[in-house]
Amino acid sequence: MQTQPVCDQYVPGRIGRLNLISGCFSFYEAWALSAEEIARAGRYSEAIARLDAGSTVRGLLAEWFGVSSEPVSSDKAFYETRVFRRTLRRERARVRA
């Protein structure tokens, strides 16, 4: 008997060799995988520059990885940007180690 996976949502996109639609990922999981891929590809500075220029995390992930999700309020987008920067720094340090 085949069962349906339990998850938050199906998030489309491709991060590295992983096609997200083939699994069941929350936006947070897609976010973490994206941060790891950005660090591994050496695109940390480029990502930070895009966020500094006013790009939202969701906009950046949609453009670079095809990850789409519900839009959020500007207050929440500001919070997400702060937290994503922290996630990027942590992943960059982990990749360098």
PDB file of N, CA and C in Angstrom:
ATOM      1  N   MET A   1       0.836  -1.175   0.000  1.00  0.00           N
ATOM      2  CA  MET A   1       0.000   0.000   0.000  1.00  0.00           C
ATOM      3  C   MET A   1       0.889   1.250   0.000  1.00  0.00           C
ATOM      4  N   GLN A   2       0.614   2.158  -0.907  1.00  0.00           N
ATOM      5  CA  GLN A   2       1.399   3.387  -1.005  1.00  0.00           C
ATOM      6  C   GLN A   2       0.724   4.474  -0.183  1.00  0.00           C
ATOM      7  N   THR A   3       1.515   5.190   0.622  1.00  0.00           N
ATOM      8  CA  THR A   3       0.956   6.267   1.439  1.00  0.00           C
ATOM      9  C   THR A   3       1.485   7.604   0.970  1.00  0.00           C
ATOM     10  N   GLN A   4       0.740   8.643   1.225  1.00  0.00           N
ATOM     11  CA  GLN A   4       1.162  10.001   0.880  1.00  0.00           C
ATOM     12  C   GLN A   4       2.078  10.516   1.982  1.00  0.00           C
ATOM     13  N   PRO A   5       3.125  11.247   1.622  1.00  0.00           N
ATOM     14  CA  PRO A   5       4.013  11.812   2.646  1.00  0.00           C
ATOM     15  C   PRO A   5       3.297  12.893   3.446  1.00  0.00           C
ATOM     16  N   VAL A   6       3.666  13.024   4.685  1.00  0.00           N
ATOM     17  CA  VAL A   6       3.112  14.055   5.540  1.00  0.00           C
ATOM     18  C   VAL A   6       4.104  15.211   5.557  1.00  0.00           C
ATOM     19  N   CYS A   7       3.636  16.410   5.257  1.00  0.00           N
ATOM     20  CA  CYS A   7       4.549  17.540   5.215  1.00  0.00           C
ATOM     21  C   CYS A   7       3.782  18.848   5.290  1.00  0.00           C
ATOM     22  N   ASP A   8       4.543  19.951   5.354  1.00  0.00           N
ATOM     23  CA  ASP A   8       3.943  21.274   5.355  1.00  0.00           C
ATOM     24  C   ASP A   8       3.385  21.613   3.985  1.00  0.00           C
ATOM     25  N   GLN A   9       4.204  21.420   2.969  1.00  0.00           N
ATOM     26  CA  GLN A   9       3.810  21.769   1.612  1.00  0.00           C
ATOM     27  C   GLN A   9       4.816  21.209   0.629  1.00  0.00           C
ATOM     28  N   TYR A  10       4.404  21.120  -0.628  1.00  0.00           N
ATOM     29  CA  TYR A  10       5.358  20.782  -1.671  1.00  0.00           C
ATOM     30  C   TYR A  10       5.950  22.083  -2.163  1.00  0.00           C
ATOM     31  N   VAL A  11       7.247  22.205  -2.076  1.00  0.00           N
ATOM     32  CA  VAL A  11       7.941  23.419  -2.492  1.00  0.00           C
ATOM     33  C   VAL A  11       8.683  23.089  -3.785  1.00  0.00           C
ATOM     34  N   PRO A  12       8.309  23.727  -4.899  1.00  0.00           N
ATOM     35  CA  PRO A  12       9.031  23.455  -6.137  1.00  0.00           C
ATOM     36  C   PRO A  12      10.386  24.137  -6.145  1.00  0.00           C
ATOM     37  N   GLY A  13      11.275  23.634  -6.957  1.00  0.00           N
ATOM     38  CA  GLY A  13      12.593  24.241  -7.116  1.00  0.00           C
ATOM     39  C   GLY A  13      13.665  23.173  -7.192  1.00  0.00           C
ATOM     40  N   ARG A  14      14.862  23.618  -7.519  1.00  0.00           N
ATOM     41  CA  ARG A  14      16.013  22.714  -7.604  1.00  0.00           C
ATOM     42  C   ARG A  14      17.176  23.379  -6.885  1.00  0.00           C
ATOM     43  N   ILE A  15      17.710  22.681  -5.904  1.00  0.00           N
ATOM     44  CA  ILE A  15      18.852  23.173  -5.145  1.00  0.00           C
ATOM     45  C   ILE A  15      19.975  22.160  -5.335  1.00  0.00           C
ATOM     46  N   GLY A  16      21.018  22.591  -6.040  1.00  0.00           N
ATOM     47  CA  GLY A  16      22.068  21.648  -6.396  1.00  0.00           C
ATOM     48  C   GLY A  16      21.483  20.555  -7.263  1.00  0.00           C
ATOM     49  N   ARG A  17      21.698  19.324  -6.893  1.00  0.00           N
ATOM     50  CA  ARG A  17      21.139  18.202  -7.659  1.00  0.00           C
ATOM     51  C   ARG A  17      19.793  17.739  -7.118  1.00  0.00           C
ATOM     52  N   LEU A  18      19.302  18.380  -6.083  1.00  0.00           N
ATOM     53  CA  LEU A  18      18.057  17.965  -5.439  1.00  0.00           C
ATOM     54  C   LEU A  18      16.862  18.682  -6.056  1.00  0.00           C
ATOM     55  N   ASN A  19      15.943  17.911  -6.637  1.00  0.00           N
ATOM     56  CA  ASN A  19      14.703  18.460  -7.163  1.00  0.00           C
ATOM     57  C   ASN A  19      13.679  18.410  -6.029  1.00  0.00           C
ATOM     58  N   LEU A  20      13.319  19.572  -5.491  1.00  0.00           N
ATOM     59  CA  LEU A  20      12.467  19.628  -4.302  1.00  0.00           C
ATOM     60  C   LEU A  20      11.086  19.020  -4.512  1.00  0.00           C
ATOM     61  N   ILE A  21      10.555  19.103  -5.708  1.00  0.00           N
ATOM     62  CA  ILE A  21       9.211  18.605  -5.947  1.00  0.00           C
ATOM     63  C   ILE A  21       9.146  17.080  -5.832  1.00  0.00           C
ATOM     64  N   SER A  22      10.311  16.418  -5.888  1.00  0.00           N
ATOM     65  CA  SER A  22      10.322  14.958  -5.762  1.00  0.00           C
ATOM     66  C   SER A  22      10.164  14.508  -4.318  1.00  0.00           C
ATOM     67  N   GLY A  23      10.205  15.451  -3.390  1.00  0.00           N
ATOM     68  CA  GLY A  23      10.026  15.128  -1.976  1.00  0.00           C
ATOM     69  C   GLY A  23       9.008  16.056  -1.371  1.00  0.00           C
ATOM     70  N   CYS A  24       9.013  16.100  -0.100  1.00  0.00           N
ATOM     71  CA  CYS A  24       8.068  16.940   0.617  1.00  0.00           C
ATOM     72  C   CYS A  24       8.864  17.811   1.581  1.00  0.00           C
ATOM     73  N   PHE A  25       9.044  19.067   1.220  1.00  0.00           N
ATOM     74  CA  PHE A  25       9.889  19.969   1.986  1.00  0.00           C
ATOM     75  C   PHE A  25       9.096  21.188   2.449  1.00  0.00           C
ATOM     76  N   SER A  26       9.368  21.623   3.645  1.00  0.00           N
ATOM     77  CA  SER A  26       8.790  22.880   4.115  1.00  0.00           C
ATOM     78  C   SER A  26       9.637  24.019   3.558  1.00  0.00           C
ATOM     79  N   PHE A  27       9.134  25.230   3.656  1.00  0.00           N
ATOM     80  CA  PHE A  27       9.924  26.373   3.206  1.00  0.00           C
ATOM     81  C   PHE A  27      11.201  26.481   4.029  1.00  0.00           C
ATOM     82  N   TYR A  28      11.114  26.195   5.325  1.00  0.00           N
ATOM     83  CA  TYR A  28      12.307  26.263   6.164  1.00  0.00           C
ATOM     84  C   TYR A  28      13.371  25.269   5.691  1.00  0.00           C
ATOM     85  N   GLU A  29      12.967  24.067   5.315  1.00  0.00           N
ATOM     86  CA  GLU A  29      13.940  23.084   4.824  1.00  0.00           C
ATOM     87  C   GLU A  29      14.570  23.552   3.514  1.00  0.00           C
ATOM     88  N   ALA A  30      13.754  24.128   2.631  1.00  0.00           N
ATOM     89  CA  ALA A  30      14.278  24.669   1.373  1.00  0.00           C
ATOM     90  C   ALA A  30      15.246  25.817   1.661  1.00  0.00           C
ATOM     91  N   TRP A  31      14.928  26.618   2.652  1.00  0.00           N
ATOM     92  CA  TRP A  31      15.768  27.753   3.072  1.00  0.00           C
ATOM     93  C   TRP A  31      17.131  27.240   3.546  1.00  0.00           C
ATOM     94  N   ALA A  32      17.127  26.224   4.404  1.00  0.00           N
ATOM     95  CA  ALA A  32      18.375  25.678   4.947  1.00  0.00           C
ATOM     96  C   ALA A  32      19.221  25.039   3.845  1.00  0.00           C
ATOM     97  N   LEU A  33      18.586  24.298   2.952  1.00  0.00           N
ATOM     98  CA  LEU A  33      19.310  23.679   1.838  1.00  0.00           C
ATOM     99  C   LEU A  33      19.887  24.748   0.910  1.00  0.00           C
ATOM    100  N   SER A  34      19.135  25.817   0.698  1.00  0.00           N
ATOM    101  CA  SER A  34      19.603  26.922  -0.147  1.00  0.00           C
ATOM    102  C   SER A  34      20.814  27.598   0.467  1.00  0.00           C
ATOM    103  N   ALA A  35      20.769  27.857   1.761  1.00  0.00           N
ATOM    104  CA  ALA A  35      21.901  28.492   2.444  1.00  0.00           C
ATOM    105  C   ALA A  35      23.149  27.623   2.322  1.00  0.00           C
ATOM    106  N   GLU A  36      22.982  26.329   2.479  1.00  0.00           N
ATOM    107  CA  GLU A  36      24.117  25.411   2.341  1.00  0.00           C
ATOM    108  C   GLU A  36      24.673  25.453   0.924  1.00  0.00           C
ATOM    109  N   GLU A  37      23.805  25.452  -0.067  1.00  0.00           N
ATOM    110  CA  GLU A  37      24.246  25.481  -1.461  1.00  0.00           C
ATOM    111  C   GLU A  37      24.932  26.805  -1.809  1.00  0.00           C
ATOM    112  N   ILE A  38      24.402  27.907  -1.300  1.00  0.00           N
ATOM    113  CA  ILE A  38      25.015  29.220  -1.527  1.00  0.00           C
ATOM    114  C   ILE A  38      26.433  29.242  -0.956  1.00  0.00           C
ATOM    115  N   ALA A  39      26.593  28.734   0.258  1.00  0.00           N
ATOM    116  CA  ALA A  39      27.919  28.695   0.892  1.00  0.00           C
ATOM    117  C   ALA A  39      28.861  27.775   0.129  1.00  0.00           C
ATOM    118  N   ARG A  40      28.372  26.616  -0.248  1.00  0.00           N
ATOM    119  CA  ARG A  40      29.212  25.644  -0.952  1.00  0.00           C
ATOM    120  C   ARG A  40      29.647  26.170  -2.326  1.00  0.00           C
ATOM    121  N   ALA A  41      28.768  26.916  -2.989  1.00  0.00           N
ATOM    122  CA  ALA A  41      29.078  27.445  -4.323  1.00  0.00           C
ATOM    123  C   ALA A  41      29.904  28.727  -4.267  1.00  0.00           C
ATOM    124  N   GLY A  42      30.186  29.229  -3.061  1.00  0.00           N
ATOM    125  CA  GLY A  42      30.968  30.446  -2.936  1.00  0.00           C
ATOM    126  C   GLY A  42      30.205  31.706  -3.312  1.00  0.00           C
ATOM    127  N   ARG A  43      28.881  31.682  -3.142  1.00  0.00           N
ATOM    128  CA  ARG A  43      28.042  32.820  -3.530  1.00  0.00           C
ATOM    129  C   ARG A  43      27.555  33.623  -2.320  1.00  0.00           C
ATOM    130  N   TYR A  44      28.223  33.446  -1.178  1.00  0.00           N
ATOM    131  CA  TYR A  44      27.819  34.141   0.047  1.00  0.00           C
ATOM    132  C   TYR A  44      27.806  35.657  -0.156  1.00  0.00           C
ATOM    133  N   SER A  45      28.889  36.213  -0.643  1.00  0.00           N
ATOM    134  CA  SER A  45      28.996  37.666  -0.815  1.00  0.00           C
ATOM    135  C   SER A  45      27.948  38.187  -1.793  1.00  0.00           C
ATOM    136  N   GLU A  46      27.709  37.431  -2.838  1.00  0.00           N
ATOM    137  CA  GLU A  46      26.688  37.819  -3.820  1.00  0.00           C
ATOM    138  C   GLU A  46      25.301  37.822  -3.190  1.00  0.00           C
ATOM    139  N   ALA A  47      25.017  36.812  -2.372  1.00  0.00           N
ATOM    140  CA  ALA A  47      23.715  36.745  -1.705  1.00  0.00           C
ATOM    141  C   ALA A  47      23.540  37.903  -0.733  1.00  0.00           C
ATOM    142  N   ILE A  48      24.565  38.202   0.043  1.00  0.00           N
ATOM    143  CA  ILE A  48      24.498  39.316   0.995  1.00  0.00           C
ATOM    144  C   ILE A  48      24.302  40.636   0.249  1.00  0.00           C
ATOM    145  N   ALA A  49      25.010  40.808  -0.858  1.00  0.00           N
ATOM    146  CA  ALA A  49      24.864  42.038  -1.647  1.00  0.00           C
ATOM    147  C   ALA A  49      23.438  42.180  -2.174  1.00  0.00           C
ATOM    148  N   ARG A  50      22.841  41.075  -2.603  1.00  0.00           N
ATOM    149  CA  ARG A  50      21.456  41.119  -3.100  1.00  0.00           C
ATOM    150  C   ARG A  50      20.488  41.480  -1.979  1.00  0.00           C
ATOM    151  N   LEU A  51      20.710  40.915  -0.799  1.00  0.00           N
ATOM    152  CA  LEU A  51      19.846  41.245   0.339  1.00  0.00           C
ATOM    153  C   LEU A  51      20.047  42.704   0.748  1.00  0.00           C
ATOM    154  N   ASP A  52      21.283  43.189   0.727  1.00  0.00           N
ATOM    155  CA  ASP A  52      21.570  44.594   1.038  1.00  0.00           C
ATOM    156  C   ASP A  52      20.891  45.534   0.051  1.00  0.00           C
ATOM    157  N   ALA A  53      20.768  45.087  -1.184  1.00  0.00           N
ATOM    158  CA  ALA A  53      20.150  45.904  -2.232  1.00  0.00           C
ATOM    159  C   ALA A  53      18.621  45.890  -2.165  1.00  0.00           C
ATOM    160  N   GLY A  54      18.074  45.127  -1.214  1.00  0.00           N
ATOM    161  CA  GLY A  54      16.629  45.138  -1.022  1.00  0.00           C
ATOM    162  C   GLY A  54      15.885  43.894  -1.466  1.00  0.00           C
ATOM    163  N   SER A  55      16.586  42.922  -1.974  1.00  0.00           N
ATOM    164  CA  SER A  55      15.933  41.670  -2.350  1.00  0.00           C
ATOM    165  C   SER A  55      15.449  40.960  -1.089  1.00  0.00           C
ATOM    166  N   THR A  56      14.299  40.320  -1.167  1.00  0.00           N
ATOM    167  CA  THR A  56      13.824  39.533  -0.035  1.00  0.00           C
ATOM    168  C   THR A  56      14.413  38.129  -0.130  1.00  0.00           C
ATOM    169  N   VAL A  57      14.387  37.418   0.964  1.00  0.00           N
ATOM    170  CA  VAL A  57      14.871  36.032   0.970  1.00  0.00           C
ATOM    171  C   VAL A  57      14.049  35.213  -0.013  1.00  0.00           C
ATOM    172  N   ARG A  58      12.738  35.368   0.037  1.00  0.00           N
ATOM    173  CA  ARG A  58      11.870  34.598  -0.856  1.00  0.00           C
ATOM    174  C   ARG A  58      12.117  34.944  -2.318  1.00  0.00           C
ATOM    175  N   GLY A  59      12.392  36.221  -2.593  1.00  0.00           N
ATOM    176  CA  GLY A  59      12.710  36.629  -3.959  1.00  0.00           C
ATOM    177  C   GLY A  59      14.027  36.047  -4.432  1.00  0.00           C
ATOM    178  N   LEU A  60      15.023  36.056  -3.558  1.00  0.00           N
ATOM    179  CA  LEU A  60      16.334  35.505  -3.880  1.00  0.00           C
ATOM    180  C   LEU A  60      16.237  34.007  -4.155  1.00  0.00           C
ATOM    181  N   LEU A  61      15.544  33.281  -3.289  1.00  0.00           N
ATOM    182  CA  LEU A  61      15.422  31.832  -3.467  1.00  0.00           C
ATOM    183  C   LEU A  61      14.608  31.497  -4.707  1.00  0.00           C
ATOM    184  N   ALA A  62      13.615  32.310  -5.015  1.00  0.00           N
ATOM    185  CA  ALA A  62      12.825  32.090  -6.233  1.00  0.00           C
ATOM    186  C   ALA A  62      13.685  32.300  -7.475  1.00  0.00           C
ATOM    187  N   GLU A  63      14.488  33.353  -7.459  1.00  0.00           N
ATOM    188  CA  GLU A  63      15.319  33.660  -8.624  1.00  0.00           C
ATOM    189  C   GLU A  63      16.441  32.650  -8.811  1.00  0.00           C
ATOM    190  N   TRP A  64      17.147  32.312  -7.747  1.00  0.00           N
ATOM    191  CA  TRP A  64      18.317  31.436  -7.867  1.00  0.00           C
ATOM    192  C   TRP A  64      17.976  29.953  -7.941  1.00  0.00           C
ATOM    193  N   PHE A  65      16.908  29.536  -7.240  1.00  0.00           N
ATOM    194  CA  PHE A  65      16.632  28.102  -7.136  1.00  0.00           C
ATOM    195  C   PHE A  65      15.234  27.700  -7.595  1.00  0.00           C
ATOM    196  N   GLY A  66      14.410  28.663  -7.961  1.00  0.00           N
ATOM    197  CA  GLY A  66      13.049  28.339  -8.384  1.00  0.00           C
ATOM    198  C   GLY A  66      12.143  27.972  -7.229  1.00  0.00           C
ATOM    199  N   VAL A  67      12.552  28.280  -6.008  1.00  0.00           N
ATOM    200  CA  VAL A  67      11.748  27.979  -4.826  1.00  0.00           C
ATOM    201  C   VAL A  67      10.649  29.028  -4.721  1.00  0.00           C
ATOM    202  N   SER A  68       9.420  28.590  -4.697  1.00  0.00           N
ATOM    203  CA  SER A  68       8.331  29.556  -4.563  1.00  0.00           C
ATOM    204  C   SER A  68       7.550  29.271  -3.288  1.00  0.00           C
ATOM    205  N   SER A  69       7.029  30.333  -2.734  1.00  0.00           N
ATOM    206  CA  SER A  69       6.257  30.210  -1.503  1.00  0.00           C
ATOM    207  C   SER A  69       5.326  31.408  -1.398  1.00  0.00           C
ATOM    208  N   GLU A  70       4.501  31.372  -0.402  1.00  0.00           N
ATOM    209  CA  GLU A  70       3.555  32.460  -0.177  1.00  0.00           C
ATOM    210  C   GLU A  70       4.295  33.758   0.115  1.00  0.00           C
ATOM    211  N   PRO A  71       3.819  34.864  -0.414  1.00  0.00           N
ATOM    212  CA  PRO A  71       4.430  36.149  -0.045  1.00  0.00           C
ATOM    213  C   PRO A  71       4.159  36.459   1.424  1.00  0.00           C
ATOM    214  N   VAL A  72       4.985  37.291   2.014  1.00  0.00           N
ATOM    215  CA  VAL A  72       4.820  37.663   3.417  1.00  0.00           C
ATOM    216  C   VAL A  72       4.801  39.178   3.551  1.00  0.00           C
ATOM    217  N   SER A  73       4.379  39.643   4.702  1.00  0.00           N
ATOM    218  CA  SER A  73       4.348  41.078   4.972  1.00  0.00           C
ATOM    219  C   SER A  73       5.769  41.630   5.020  1.00  0.00           C
ATOM    220  N   SER A  74       5.900  42.939   4.886  1.00  0.00           N
ATOM    221  CA  SER A  74       7.238  43.544   4.905  1.00  0.00           C
ATOM    222  C   SER A  74       7.917  43.359   6.258  1.00  0.00           C
ATOM    223  N   ASP A  75       7.139  43.358   7.347  1.00  0.00           N
ATOM    224  CA  ASP A  75       7.733  43.119   8.669  1.00  0.00           C
ATOM    225  C   ASP A  75       8.330  41.724   8.757  1.00  0.00           C
ATOM    226  N   LYS A  76       7.584  40.745   8.272  1.00  0.00           N
ATOM    227  CA  LYS A  76       8.078  39.373   8.318  1.00  0.00           C
ATOM    228  C   LYS A  76       9.256  39.199   7.360  1.00  0.00           C
ATOM    229  N   ALA A  77       9.215  39.862   6.210  1.00  0.00           N
ATOM    230  CA  ALA A  77      10.324  39.780   5.252  1.00  0.00           C
ATOM    231  C   ALA A  77      11.600  40.347   5.871  1.00  0.00           C
ATOM    232  N   PHE A  78      11.487  41.427   6.631  1.00  0.00           N
ATOM    233  CA  PHE A  78      12.642  42.016   7.307  1.00  0.00           C
ATOM    234  C   PHE A  78      13.226  41.011   8.304  1.00  0.00           C
ATOM    235  N   TYR A  79      12.367  40.374   9.089  1.00  0.00           N
ATOM    236  CA  TYR A  79      12.806  39.368  10.058  1.00  0.00           C
ATOM    237  C   TYR A  79      13.462  38.188   9.347  1.00  0.00           C
ATOM    238  N   GLU A  80      12.836  37.719   8.259  1.00  0.00           N
ATOM    239  CA  GLU A  80      13.408  36.593   7.511  1.00  0.00           C
ATOM    240  C   GLU A  80      14.804  36.924   6.988  1.00  0.00           C
ATOM    241  N   THR A  81      14.981  38.150   6.518  1.00  0.00           N
ATOM    242  CA  THR A  81      16.284  38.556   5.998  1.00  0.00           C
ATOM    243  C   THR A  81      17.344  38.505   7.092  1.00  0.00           C
ATOM    244  N   ARG A  82      17.016  39.002   8.276  1.00  0.00           N
ATOM    245  CA  ARG A  82      17.967  38.959   9.395  1.00  0.00           C
ATOM    246  C   ARG A  82      18.347  37.521   9.735  1.00  0.00           C
ATOM    247  N   VAL A  83      17.359  36.666   9.824  1.00  0.00           N
ATOM    248  CA  VAL A  83      17.613  35.272  10.192  1.00  0.00           C
ATOM    249  C   VAL A  83      18.350  34.539   9.078  1.00  0.00           C
ATOM    250  N   PHE A  84      18.019  34.832   7.823  1.00  0.00           N
ATOM    251  CA  PHE A  84      18.690  34.168   6.703  1.00  0.00           C
ATOM    252  C   PHE A  84      20.158  34.563   6.640  1.00  0.00           C
ATOM    253  N   ARG A  85      20.474  35.825   6.940  1.00  0.00           N
ATOM    254  CA  ARG A  85      21.872  36.253   6.992  1.00  0.00           C
ATOM    255  C   ARG A  85      22.640  35.418   8.021  1.00  0.00           C
ATOM    256  N   ARG A  86      22.022  35.208   9.167  1.00  0.00           N
ATOM    257  CA  ARG A  86      22.642  34.402  10.214  1.00  0.00           C
ATOM    258  C   ARG A  86      22.856  32.962   9.730  1.00  0.00           C
ATOM    259  N   THR A  87      21.864  32.423   9.052  1.00  0.00           N
ATOM    260  CA  THR A  87      21.954  31.068   8.518  1.00  0.00           C
ATOM    261  C   THR A  87      23.080  30.986   7.486  1.00  0.00           C
ATOM    262  N   LEU A  88      23.174  31.997   6.628  1.00  0.00           N
ATOM    263  CA  LEU A  88      24.245  32.017   5.629  1.00  0.00           C
ATOM    264  C   LEU A  88      25.624  32.056   6.288  1.00  0.00           C
ATOM    265  N   ARG A  89      25.775  32.908   7.309  1.00  0.00           N
ATOM    266  CA  ARG A  89      27.063  32.982   8.015  1.00  0.00           C
ATOM    267  C   ARG A  89      27.435  31.634   8.628  1.00  0.00           C
ATOM    268  N   ARG A  90      26.460  30.997   9.253  1.00  0.00           N
ATOM    269  CA  ARG A  90      26.713  29.701   9.886  1.00  0.00           C
ATOM    270  C   ARG A  90      27.115  28.656   8.837  1.00  0.00           C
ATOM    271  N   GLU A  91      26.414  28.629   7.713  1.00  0.00           N
ATOM    272  CA  GLU A  91      26.731  27.651   6.662  1.00  0.00           C
ATOM    273  C   GLU A  91      28.099  27.944   6.036  1.00  0.00           C
ATOM    274  N   ARG A  92      28.419  29.217   5.843  1.00  0.00           N
ATOM    275  CA  ARG A  92      29.719  29.569   5.284  1.00  0.00           C
ATOM    276  C   ARG A  92      30.839  29.091   6.207  1.00  0.00           C
ATOM    277  N   ALA A  93      30.672  29.294   7.514  1.00  0.00           N
ATOM    278  CA  ALA A  93      31.674  28.851   8.487  1.00  0.00           C
ATOM    279  C   ALA A  93      31.778  27.318   8.471  1.00  0.00           C
ATOM    280  N   ARG A  94      30.664  26.628   8.362  1.00  0.00           N
ATOM    281  CA  ARG A  94      30.664  25.178   8.356  1.00  0.00           C
ATOM    282  C   ARG A  94      31.344  24.631   7.102  1.00  0.00           C
ATOM    283  N   VAL A  95      31.083  25.252   5.970  1.00  0.00           N
ATOM    284  CA  VAL A  95      31.693  24.808   4.710  1.00  0.00           C
ATOM    285  C   VAL A  95      33.197  25.050   4.722  1.00  0.00           C
ATOM    286  N   ARG A  96      33.626  26.155   5.322  1.00  0.00           N
ATOM    287  CA  ARG A  96      35.057  26.494   5.382  1.00  0.00           C
ATOM    288  C   ARG A  96      35.826  25.568   6.326  1.00  0.00           C
ATOM    289  N   ALA A  97      35.133  25.023   7.332  1.00  0.00           N
ATOM    290  CA  ALA A  97      35.811  24.192   8.347  1.00  0.00           C
ATOM    291  C   ALA A  97      36.272  22.863   7.811  1.00  0.00           C
TER     292      ALA A  97
END
